[in-house]
C-alpha atoms as a PDB file:
ATOM      1  CA  MET A   1       0.528  23.292   3.109  1.00  0.00           C
ATOM      2  CA  ALA A   2       1.541  20.169   5.015  1.00  0.00           C
ATOM      3  CA  MET A   3       2.288  16.755   3.551  1.00  0.00           C
ATOM      4  CA  SER A   4       0.402  13.701   4.798  1.00  0.00           C
ATOM      5  CA  ALA A   5       2.249  10.683   6.172  1.00  0.00           C
ATOM      6  CA  SER A   6       0.659   8.484   3.501  1.00  0.00           C
ATOM      7  CA  GLU A   7       1.848  10.806   0.722  1.00  0.00           C
ATOM      8  CA  LEU A   8       5.360  10.808   2.169  1.00  0.00           C
ATOM      9  CA  GLU A   9       5.367   7.012   2.368  1.00  0.00           C
ATOM     10  CA  ALA A  10       4.058   6.684  -1.196  1.00  0.00           C
ATOM     11  CA  MET A  11       6.789   8.939  -2.591  1.00  0.00           C
ATOM     12  CA  ILE A  12       9.493   6.917  -0.842  1.00  0.00           C
ATOM     13  CA  LYS A  13       8.027   3.616  -2.031  1.00  0.00           C
ATOM     14  CA  ASP A  14       7.767   4.932  -5.598  1.00  0.00           C
ATOM     15  CA  ALA A  15      11.525   5.522  -5.590  1.00  0.00           C
ATOM     16  CA  LEU A  16      12.425   2.475  -3.480  1.00  0.00           C
ATOM     17  CA  PRO A  17       9.779  -0.174  -4.266  1.00  0.00           C
ATOM     18  CA  ASP A  18      11.209  -2.810  -1.918  1.00  0.00           C
ATOM     19  CA  ALA A  19      11.397  -0.426   1.039  1.00  0.00           C
ATOM     20  CA  GLU A  20       9.861  -1.058   4.423  1.00  0.00           C
ATOM     21  CA  VAL A  21       8.738   2.395   5.536  1.00  0.00           C
ATOM     22  CA  LEU A  22       7.510   3.522   8.938  1.00  0.00           C
ATOM     23  CA  ILE A  23       6.410   7.166   9.237  1.00  0.00           C
ATOM     24  CA  GLN A  24       5.874   8.915  12.574  1.00  0.00           C
ATOM     25  CA  ASP A  25       4.328  12.389  12.834  1.00  0.00           C
ATOM     26  CA  LEU A  26       6.490  13.900  15.562  1.00  0.00           C
ATOM     27  CA  ALA A  27       4.491  17.068  16.242  1.00  0.00           C
ATOM     28  CA  GLY A  28       1.008  16.203  14.981  1.00  0.00           C
ATOM     29  CA  ASP A  29       1.195  19.012  12.439  1.00  0.00           C
ATOM     30  CA  GLY A  30       2.059  17.180   9.214  1.00  0.00           C
ATOM     31  CA  ASP A  31       5.317  19.124   9.000  1.00  0.00           C
ATOM     32  CA  HIS A  32       7.653  17.194  11.307  1.00  0.00           C
ATOM     33  CA  TYR A  33       8.150  13.500  10.593  1.00  0.00           C
ATOM     34  CA  LYS A  34      10.509  10.667  11.354  1.00  0.00           C
ATOM     35  CA  ALA A  35      10.922   8.056   8.643  1.00  0.00           C
ATOM     36  CA  THR A  36      12.484   4.669   9.306  1.00  0.00           C
ATOM     37  CA  ILE A  37      13.350   3.055   5.983  1.00  0.00           C
ATOM     38  CA  ARG A  38      14.889  -0.336   5.173  1.00  0.00           C
ATOM     39  CA  SER A  39      15.780  -1.104   1.561  1.00  0.00           C
ATOM     40  CA  ALA A  40      18.174  -3.387  -0.296  1.00  0.00           C
ATOM     41  CA  ALA A  41      18.982  -0.341  -2.450  1.00  0.00           C
ATOM     42  CA  PHE A  42      20.923   1.080   0.517  1.00  0.00           C
ATOM     43  CA  ALA A  43      23.388  -1.836   0.608  1.00  0.00           C
ATOM     44  CA  GLY A  44      26.989  -0.689   0.308  1.00  0.00           C
ATOM     45  CA  LYS A  45      26.054   2.995   0.444  1.00  0.00           C
ATOM     46  CA  SER A  46      27.103   5.463   3.120  1.00  0.00           C
ATOM     47  CA  ARG A  47      24.484   6.907   5.437  1.00  0.00           C
ATOM     48  CA  VAL A  48      24.791  10.225   3.571  1.00  0.00           C
ATOM     49  CA  ALA A  49      24.165   8.509   0.225  1.00  0.00           C
ATOM     50  CA  GLN A  50      21.159   6.669   1.689  1.00  0.00           C
ATOM     51  CA  HIS A  51      19.662   9.926   2.928  1.00  0.00           C
ATOM     52  CA  GLN A  52      20.318  11.601  -0.427  1.00  0.00           C
ATOM     53  CA  MET A  53      18.326   8.805  -2.090  1.00  0.00           C
ATOM     54  CA  VAL A  54      15.381   9.530   0.206  1.00  0.00           C
ATOM     55  CA  TYR A  55      15.579  13.291  -0.387  1.00  0.00           C
ATOM     56  CA  ALA A  56      15.672  12.655  -4.151  1.00  0.00           C
ATOM     57  CA  ALA A  57      12.470  10.613  -3.774  1.00  0.00           C
ATOM     58  CA  LEU A  58      10.779  13.681  -2.272  1.00  0.00           C
ATOM     59  CA  LYS A  59      11.296  15.624  -5.511  1.00  0.00           C
ATOM     60  CA  GLY A  60      12.041  19.023  -3.993  1.00  0.00           C
ATOM     61  CA  ARG A  61       9.276  19.028  -1.381  1.00  0.00           C
ATOM     62  CA  MET A  62      11.728  19.022   1.526  1.00  0.00           C
ATOM     63  CA  GLY A  63      11.855  22.547   2.931  1.00  0.00           C
ATOM     64  CA  GLY A  64       8.528  23.443   1.341  1.00  0.00           C
ATOM     65  CA  GLU A  65       5.556  21.185   2.073  1.00  0.00           C
ATOM     66  CA  LEU A  66       7.738  19.164   4.412  1.00  0.00           C
ATOM     67  CA  HIS A  67       9.540  21.212   7.033  1.00  0.00           C
ATOM     68  CA  ALA A  68      11.482  18.567   8.986  1.00  0.00           C
ATOM     69  CA  LEU A  69      12.303  14.917   8.375  1.00  0.00           C
ATOM     70  CA  ALA A  70      14.413  12.808  10.716  1.00  0.00           C
ATOM     71  CA  LEU A  71      15.748   9.782   8.833  1.00  0.00           C
ATOM     72  CA  GLU A  72      16.810   6.378  10.014  1.00  0.00           C
ATOM     73  CA  THR A  73      17.926   4.261   7.062  1.00  0.00           C
ATOM     74  CA  SER A  74      19.408   0.780   6.753  1.00  0.00           C
ATOM     75  CA  ALA A  75      19.944  -1.969   4.209  1.00  0.00           C
ATOM     76  CA  ARG A  76      17.967  -5.178   4.394  1.00  0.00           C
END
């Protein structure tokens, strides 16, 4: 079962309330997304740490409901 873009955005915003989130469905199938995320919570963190924060927000759905997620993260 695929995950909707709005559900993906909501999960990220739940974990990072100040985040600006832009979701793009790359294949039109609800399984392949690109997320561009800006959040003050990323300040001072490595790109790997920023991405880990996003994956943690997805609560284990990556690799199941969500097959592929390209991430672009930055601090505000």
